[in-house]
Amino acid sequence: MSLQYAILLFIVLLASTTMRNEAIPGGWTPIKNINDPHVTEIANYAVTEHDKKTGLNLKLEKVISGETKVVNGIIYCLNISASDSNKHNIAVLERQQFRKLTSFAPLK
C-alpha cells in the first residue's frame, strides 16, 4: 500500500512541476524575450491598425516591455516606442487566426 502512495505522490509532484512553467489563466506573465519576432509582429500589427483608424503614419521603433494574459486567447499588453518620439501602451487580443487591437494609448 505504501508503494502505491509513493507512486501517486511522485505523479502529483511531477504534474505540478510541469504545470508551473505554463501561463496561469487570468494572470499576467512578463514577456521574457521582448525581441521575440512574434512579439514584434504583434506590436507592428497594433501600430498598423492604429494608423488605419487615425490616418497617422506611425512606425514601430521598438518594444520596451510587455506582459501576456491568457483569457480565451492571449492578450499582449506592450509598451512601445514609435516614430512620433512618444511611448505608447498597446493591448492586442490574439487567438488562433484572429487578432484585435483593443487599446492604443500614450504611455504616462
N, C-alpha and C. Protein backbone atom coordinates (compact mmCIF):
# COMPACT_ATOMS: atom_id res chain seq x y z
N MET A 1 0.82 -1.19 0.00
CA MET A 1 0.00 0.00 0.00
C MET A 1 0.86 1.26 0.00
N SER A 2 1.95 1.29 0.74
CA SER A 2 2.79 2.48 0.78
C SER A 2 3.49 2.72 -0.55
N LEU A 3 3.74 1.68 -1.32
CA LEU A 3 4.33 1.84 -2.66
C LEU A 3 3.35 2.57 -3.57
N GLN A 4 2.06 2.27 -3.44
CA GLN A 4 1.05 2.95 -4.25
C GLN A 4 1.00 4.44 -3.91
N TYR A 5 1.08 4.76 -2.62
CA TYR A 5 1.09 6.16 -2.21
C TYR A 5 2.34 6.88 -2.70
N ALA A 6 3.46 6.20 -2.68
CA ALA A 6 4.71 6.80 -3.16
C ALA A 6 4.62 7.08 -4.65
N ILE A 7 4.04 6.16 -5.41
CA ILE A 7 3.88 6.36 -6.86
C ILE A 7 2.91 7.51 -7.12
N LEU A 8 1.80 7.53 -6.38
CA LEU A 8 0.82 8.60 -6.54
C LEU A 8 1.44 9.96 -6.21
N LEU A 9 2.19 10.03 -5.13
CA LEU A 9 2.86 11.27 -4.75
C LEU A 9 3.85 11.71 -5.83
N PHE A 10 4.58 10.78 -6.39
CA PHE A 10 5.53 11.09 -7.46
C PHE A 10 4.80 11.68 -8.67
N ILE A 11 3.68 11.09 -9.05
CA ILE A 11 2.91 11.57 -10.20
C ILE A 11 2.38 12.98 -9.94
N VAL A 12 1.86 13.22 -8.74
CA VAL A 12 1.33 14.54 -8.40
C VAL A 12 2.44 15.58 -8.43
N LEU A 13 3.59 15.26 -7.85
CA LEU A 13 4.71 16.20 -7.85
C LEU A 13 5.22 16.47 -9.26
N LEU A 14 5.28 15.44 -10.08
CA LEU A 14 5.72 15.61 -11.47
C LEU A 14 4.76 16.51 -12.23
N ALA A 15 3.46 16.29 -12.05
CA ALA A 15 2.46 17.11 -12.74
C ALA A 15 2.52 18.56 -12.28
N SER A 16 2.69 18.79 -10.99
CA SER A 16 2.75 20.17 -10.50
C SER A 16 4.00 20.89 -10.98
N THR A 17 5.10 20.18 -11.12
CA THR A 17 6.34 20.78 -11.64
C THR A 17 6.17 21.16 -13.10
N THR A 18 5.52 20.32 -13.87
CA THR A 18 5.29 20.58 -15.29
C THR A 18 4.36 21.77 -15.47
N MET A 19 3.32 21.85 -14.67
CA MET A 19 2.34 22.92 -14.81
C MET A 19 2.89 24.27 -14.38
N ARG A 20 3.90 24.31 -13.55
CA ARG A 20 4.45 25.57 -13.06
C ARG A 20 5.02 26.42 -14.19
N ASN A 21 5.47 25.81 -15.28
CA ASN A 21 6.08 26.55 -16.37
C ASN A 21 5.08 27.12 -17.36
N GLU A 22 3.81 26.77 -17.21
CA GLU A 22 2.78 27.25 -18.13
C GLU A 22 2.16 28.54 -17.59
N ALA A 23 1.60 29.33 -18.50
CA ALA A 23 0.93 30.56 -18.09
C ALA A 23 -0.31 30.23 -17.28
N ILE A 24 -0.56 31.00 -16.25
CA ILE A 24 -1.73 30.80 -15.42
C ILE A 24 -2.89 31.56 -16.05
N PRO A 25 -4.00 30.86 -16.38
CA PRO A 25 -5.14 31.58 -16.95
C PRO A 25 -5.58 32.71 -16.04
N GLY A 26 -5.73 33.90 -16.61
CA GLY A 26 -6.18 35.06 -15.85
C GLY A 26 -5.08 35.86 -15.19
N GLY A 27 -3.86 35.33 -15.15
CA GLY A 27 -2.76 36.05 -14.51
C GLY A 27 -1.83 36.67 -15.54
N TRP A 28 -1.22 37.79 -15.21
CA TRP A 28 -0.28 38.45 -16.11
C TRP A 28 1.10 37.81 -15.97
N THR A 29 1.74 37.54 -17.10
CA THR A 29 3.07 36.94 -17.14
C THR A 29 4.00 37.87 -17.91
N PRO A 30 5.10 38.31 -17.31
CA PRO A 30 6.05 39.17 -18.04
C PRO A 30 6.62 38.43 -19.26
N ILE A 31 6.81 39.17 -20.34
CA ILE A 31 7.42 38.59 -21.54
C ILE A 31 8.93 38.60 -21.31
N LYS A 32 9.52 37.42 -21.34
CA LYS A 32 10.95 37.29 -21.05
C LYS A 32 11.80 37.82 -22.19
N ASN A 33 11.41 37.54 -23.43
CA ASN A 33 12.20 37.96 -24.59
C ASN A 33 11.39 38.96 -25.41
N ILE A 34 11.55 40.24 -25.12
CA ILE A 34 10.79 41.25 -25.85
C ILE A 34 11.25 41.40 -27.30
N ASN A 35 12.39 40.79 -27.63
CA ASN A 35 12.88 40.82 -29.02
C ASN A 35 12.40 39.63 -29.83
N ASP A 36 11.54 38.81 -29.24
CA ASP A 36 10.99 37.66 -29.96
C ASP A 36 10.26 38.17 -31.21
N PRO A 37 10.48 37.54 -32.36
CA PRO A 37 9.84 38.00 -33.60
C PRO A 37 8.31 38.06 -33.51
N HIS A 38 7.70 37.15 -32.76
CA HIS A 38 6.23 37.16 -32.64
C HIS A 38 5.76 38.39 -31.86
N VAL A 39 6.50 38.77 -30.84
CA VAL A 39 6.15 39.97 -30.07
C VAL A 39 6.26 41.21 -30.96
N THR A 40 7.32 41.27 -31.76
CA THR A 40 7.49 42.39 -32.71
C THR A 40 6.35 42.40 -33.73
N GLU A 41 5.95 41.23 -34.18
CA GLU A 41 4.83 41.12 -35.13
C GLU A 41 3.54 41.66 -34.52
N ILE A 42 3.28 41.33 -33.26
CA ILE A 42 2.09 41.83 -32.56
C ILE A 42 2.15 43.35 -32.45
N ALA A 43 3.31 43.89 -32.10
CA ALA A 43 3.47 45.35 -31.96
C ALA A 43 3.28 46.04 -33.31
N ASN A 44 3.85 45.48 -34.37
CA ASN A 44 3.66 46.06 -35.71
C ASN A 44 2.20 46.02 -36.13
N TYR A 45 1.51 44.94 -35.81
CA TYR A 45 0.09 44.84 -36.11
C TYR A 45 -0.67 45.98 -35.41
N ALA A 46 -0.35 46.21 -34.14
CA ALA A 46 -1.04 47.26 -33.38
C ALA A 46 -0.81 48.64 -33.99
N VAL A 47 0.42 48.93 -34.37
CA VAL A 47 0.74 50.23 -34.96
C VAL A 47 0.01 50.39 -36.30
N THR A 48 0.01 49.35 -37.12
CA THR A 48 -0.67 49.39 -38.42
C THR A 48 -2.17 49.62 -38.25
N GLU A 49 -2.78 48.89 -37.31
CA GLU A 49 -4.22 49.07 -37.07
C GLU A 49 -4.52 50.47 -36.54
N HIS A 50 -3.68 50.96 -35.66
CA HIS A 50 -3.86 52.32 -35.13
C HIS A 50 -3.76 53.35 -36.27
N ASP A 51 -2.78 53.15 -37.16
CA ASP A 51 -2.62 54.06 -38.31
C ASP A 51 -3.86 54.05 -39.20
N LYS A 52 -4.45 52.87 -39.42
CA LYS A 52 -5.66 52.77 -40.25
C LYS A 52 -6.81 53.56 -39.63
N LYS A 53 -6.94 53.47 -38.31
CA LYS A 53 -8.05 54.14 -37.63
C LYS A 53 -7.87 55.65 -37.52
N THR A 54 -6.61 56.10 -37.42
CA THR A 54 -6.36 57.52 -37.16
C THR A 54 -5.87 58.30 -38.37
N GLY A 55 -5.42 57.59 -39.41
CA GLY A 55 -4.85 58.26 -40.57
C GLY A 55 -3.40 58.68 -40.36
N LEU A 56 -2.82 58.32 -39.24
CA LEU A 56 -1.42 58.64 -38.97
C LEU A 56 -0.52 57.66 -39.72
N ASN A 57 0.76 57.93 -39.68
CA ASN A 57 1.73 57.05 -40.34
C ASN A 57 2.87 56.72 -39.36
N LEU A 58 2.49 56.17 -38.21
CA LEU A 58 3.50 55.81 -37.21
C LEU A 58 4.24 54.55 -37.64
N LYS A 59 5.45 54.42 -37.17
CA LYS A 59 6.25 53.21 -37.37
C LYS A 59 6.75 52.75 -36.01
N LEU A 60 6.79 51.46 -35.82
CA LEU A 60 7.32 50.90 -34.58
C LEU A 60 8.82 51.11 -34.52
N GLU A 61 9.30 51.65 -33.42
CA GLU A 61 10.75 51.74 -33.21
C GLU A 61 11.24 50.53 -32.43
N LYS A 62 10.60 50.26 -31.28
CA LYS A 62 10.98 49.07 -30.53
C LYS A 62 9.94 48.74 -29.47
N VAL A 63 9.96 47.50 -29.03
CA VAL A 63 9.15 47.06 -27.90
C VAL A 63 10.00 47.25 -26.65
N ILE A 64 9.46 47.98 -25.68
CA ILE A 64 10.19 48.30 -24.46
C ILE A 64 10.00 47.20 -23.40
N SER A 65 8.75 46.81 -23.21
CA SER A 65 8.42 45.78 -22.22
C SER A 65 7.04 45.24 -22.53
N GLY A 66 6.66 44.18 -21.84
CA GLY A 66 5.34 43.64 -22.08
C GLY A 66 4.97 42.49 -21.17
N GLU A 67 3.67 42.20 -21.18
CA GLU A 67 3.12 41.09 -20.41
C GLU A 67 2.07 40.41 -21.27
N THR A 68 1.79 39.17 -20.93
CA THR A 68 0.70 38.45 -21.58
C THR A 68 -0.26 37.93 -20.52
N LYS A 69 -1.49 37.72 -20.96
CA LYS A 69 -2.52 37.18 -20.08
C LYS A 69 -3.35 36.21 -20.90
N VAL A 70 -3.58 35.01 -20.36
CA VAL A 70 -4.36 34.00 -21.06
C VAL A 70 -5.82 34.15 -20.64
N VAL A 71 -6.67 34.56 -21.60
CA VAL A 71 -8.10 34.70 -21.37
C VAL A 71 -8.80 34.46 -22.70
N ASN A 72 -9.26 33.25 -22.95
CA ASN A 72 -9.90 32.92 -24.23
C ASN A 72 -9.06 33.41 -25.39
N GLY A 73 -7.79 33.16 -25.31
CA GLY A 73 -6.78 33.65 -26.25
C GLY A 73 -5.66 34.25 -25.42
N ILE A 74 -4.82 35.03 -26.05
CA ILE A 74 -3.73 35.69 -25.33
C ILE A 74 -3.84 37.19 -25.53
N ILE A 75 -3.83 37.92 -24.43
CA ILE A 75 -3.79 39.38 -24.50
C ILE A 75 -2.33 39.80 -24.33
N TYR A 76 -1.83 40.54 -25.31
CA TYR A 76 -0.49 41.11 -25.24
C TYR A 76 -0.63 42.56 -24.82
N CYS A 77 -0.04 42.92 -23.71
CA CYS A 77 0.00 44.30 -23.25
C CYS A 77 1.45 44.75 -23.37
N LEU A 78 1.73 45.64 -24.33
CA LEU A 78 3.10 46.02 -24.64
C LEU A 78 3.30 47.52 -24.48
N ASN A 79 4.48 47.89 -24.02
CA ASN A 79 4.91 49.28 -24.03
C ASN A 79 5.89 49.41 -25.18
N ILE A 80 5.60 50.35 -26.08
CA ILE A 80 6.42 50.50 -27.28
C ILE A 80 6.86 51.95 -27.45
N SER A 81 7.88 52.15 -28.26
CA SER A 81 8.22 53.49 -28.72
C SER A 81 7.94 53.51 -30.22
N ALA A 82 7.45 54.66 -30.68
CA ALA A 82 7.07 54.79 -32.09
C ALA A 82 7.78 55.98 -32.72
N SER A 83 7.61 56.11 -34.03
CA SER A 83 8.31 57.13 -34.80
C SER A 83 7.88 58.56 -34.47
N ASP A 84 6.81 58.72 -33.68
CA ASP A 84 6.40 60.07 -33.27
C ASP A 84 7.16 60.53 -32.02
N SER A 85 8.20 59.80 -31.66
CA SER A 85 9.04 60.08 -30.48
C SER A 85 8.29 59.90 -29.17
N ASN A 86 7.15 59.26 -29.20
CA ASN A 86 6.38 59.00 -27.99
C ASN A 86 6.39 57.52 -27.66
N LYS A 87 6.02 57.24 -26.42
CA LYS A 87 5.86 55.86 -25.98
C LYS A 87 4.38 55.59 -25.82
N HIS A 88 3.99 54.37 -26.15
CA HIS A 88 2.58 54.00 -26.13
C HIS A 88 2.40 52.68 -25.41
N ASN A 89 1.22 52.51 -24.82
CA ASN A 89 0.82 51.25 -24.23
C ASN A 89 -0.24 50.66 -25.15
N ILE A 90 -0.01 49.44 -25.61
CA ILE A 90 -0.95 48.82 -26.53
C ILE A 90 -1.44 47.50 -25.95
N ALA A 91 -2.62 47.10 -26.38
CA ALA A 91 -3.15 45.79 -26.00
C ALA A 91 -3.74 45.14 -27.24
N VAL A 92 -3.35 43.90 -27.48
CA VAL A 92 -3.83 43.13 -28.63
C VAL A 92 -4.30 41.78 -28.13
N LEU A 93 -5.51 41.40 -28.53
CA LEU A 93 -6.03 40.06 -28.25
C LEU A 93 -5.70 39.19 -29.45
N GLU A 94 -5.11 38.04 -29.18
CA GLU A 94 -4.78 37.10 -30.26
C GLU A 94 -5.31 35.72 -29.89
N ARG A 95 -6.03 35.12 -30.82
CA ARG A 95 -6.43 33.72 -30.67
C ARG A 95 -6.46 33.08 -32.05
N GLN A 96 -5.78 31.97 -32.18
CA GLN A 96 -5.62 31.22 -33.42
C GLN A 96 -5.33 32.16 -34.59
N GLN A 97 -6.25 32.32 -35.52
CA GLN A 97 -6.02 33.15 -36.71
C GLN A 97 -6.68 34.52 -36.58
N PHE A 98 -6.88 34.99 -35.35
CA PHE A 98 -7.62 36.23 -35.10
C PHE A 98 -6.79 37.17 -34.23
N ARG A 99 -6.77 38.44 -34.59
CA ARG A 99 -6.13 39.48 -33.78
C ARG A 99 -7.04 40.69 -33.72
N LYS A 100 -7.03 41.37 -32.57
CA LYS A 100 -7.81 42.60 -32.44
C LYS A 100 -7.06 43.57 -31.54
N LEU A 101 -6.87 44.78 -32.04
CA LEU A 101 -6.28 45.86 -31.23
C LEU A 101 -7.36 46.35 -30.28
N THR A 102 -7.11 46.24 -28.99
CA THR A 102 -8.11 46.66 -28.01
C THR A 102 -7.76 47.97 -27.32
N SER A 103 -6.50 48.38 -27.40
CA SER A 103 -6.10 49.64 -26.76
C SER A 103 -4.80 50.15 -27.39
N PHE A 104 -4.74 51.46 -27.57
CA PHE A 104 -3.52 52.14 -28.04
C PHE A 104 -3.53 53.51 -27.39
N ALA A 105 -2.74 53.67 -26.35
CA ALA A 105 -2.78 54.90 -25.56
C ALA A 105 -1.37 55.40 -25.26
N PRO A 106 -1.24 56.73 -25.08
CA PRO A 106 0.07 57.26 -24.69
C PRO A 106 0.51 56.66 -23.36
N LEU A 107 1.78 56.37 -23.26
CA LEU A 107 2.33 55.83 -22.01
C LEU A 107 2.67 57.00 -21.10
N LYS A 108 2.16 56.96 -19.91
CA LYS A 108 2.36 58.07 -18.97
C LYS A 108 3.60 57.85 -18.14
